[in-house]
Protein backbone atom coordinates (compact mmCIF):
# COMPACT_ATOMS: atom_id res chain seq x y z
CA MET A 1 0.16 0.16 -0.44
CA ARG A 2 2.68 2.32 1.33
CA LYS A 3 4.47 1.89 -2.50
CA ILE A 4 1.42 2.17 -4.08
CA VAL A 5 0.42 5.53 -2.41
CA LEU A 6 4.14 7.01 -2.73
CA ALA A 7 3.84 6.92 -6.62
CA MET A 8 0.93 8.04 -6.83
CA LEU A 9 2.12 10.67 -4.81
CA ALA A 10 5.11 11.42 -7.23
CA ALA A 11 3.29 11.57 -9.50
CA ILE A 12 0.75 14.35 -8.39
CA GLY A 13 3.63 16.57 -8.71
CA VAL A 14 4.50 15.50 -12.13
CA SER A 15 0.18 15.64 -13.62
CA ALA A 16 -0.43 18.93 -11.26
CA CYS A 17 1.12 21.24 -13.70
CA ALA A 18 -0.88 20.09 -16.39
CA GLY A 19 -4.62 20.04 -13.88
CA PRO A 20 -6.98 23.45 -13.90
CA SER A 21 -5.80 26.20 -12.18
CA ALA A 22 -7.99 26.87 -9.25
CA THR A 23 -11.03 30.19 -9.32
CA ASP A 24 -10.76 30.41 -5.72
CA PRO A 25 -7.61 31.54 -4.44
CA GLY A 26 -9.33 31.91 -0.91
CA MET A 27 -10.63 27.72 -1.06
CA CYS A 28 -7.05 26.79 -2.01
CA LEU A 29 -5.00 28.45 0.58
CA GLY A 30 -7.79 27.24 3.12
CA GLN A 31 -7.33 23.52 2.87
CA ARG A 32 -3.64 23.91 1.95
CA ALA A 33 -2.79 22.35 5.46
CA ASP A 34 -5.13 19.97 5.74
CA VAL A 35 -4.47 18.61 2.28
CA ALA A 36 -0.60 18.59 3.32
CA ARG A 37 -1.12 16.59 6.61
CA LEU A 38 -3.55 14.48 4.89
CA ARG A 39 -0.50 14.19 2.36
CA ALA A 40 1.84 13.77 5.79
CA ALA A 41 -0.33 11.20 7.43
CA LEU A 42 -0.42 8.71 4.20
CA GLU A 43 3.21 8.40 3.62
CA ALA A 44 3.79 8.10 7.07
CA HIS A 45 1.26 5.07 7.96
CA ALA A 46 1.90 1.99 5.21
CA ASP A 47 -0.95 -0.01 7.54
CA THR A 48 -3.64 2.53 6.37
CA PRO A 49 -6.65 0.17 4.56
CA ASP A 50 -6.54 -0.40 1.22
CA ALA A 51 -10.12 1.51 1.69
CA VAL A 52 -8.95 3.92 2.78
CA GLY A 53 -5.77 5.02 1.58
CA GLU A 54 -7.44 4.77 -1.55
CA ALA A 55 -9.94 7.60 -1.02
CA ALA A 56 -7.74 9.74 0.53
CA THR A 57 -4.95 9.27 -1.74
CA ASP A 58 -7.90 10.81 -4.83
CA VAL A 59 -8.67 13.78 -2.18
CA VAL A 60 -4.84 14.76 -2.19
CA ILE A 61 -5.04 14.57 -6.21
CA GLY A 62 -7.84 16.41 -6.80
CA PHE A 63 -7.07 19.23 -4.48
CA GLU A 64 -3.25 19.49 -5.78
CA ALA A 65 -4.90 18.81 -9.91
CA GLY A 66 -6.87 22.01 -8.95
CA CYS A 67 -5.09 24.05 -6.68
CA GLY A 68 -1.40 23.04 -7.44
């Protein structure tokens, strides 16, 4: 699970540049710290159940694509 999450998070860095820009900078700014904590928690806890890890990774990917 951890390798999958780390690979997905690495791909975010590349794909986020090609994603759409956020239209509300305030919303992105307000969520940045929460998403950073979520990302760090995913990286730190390899024992996260797959269903939770996959859903959380989707949140991180979506945020990074929209808010970069």
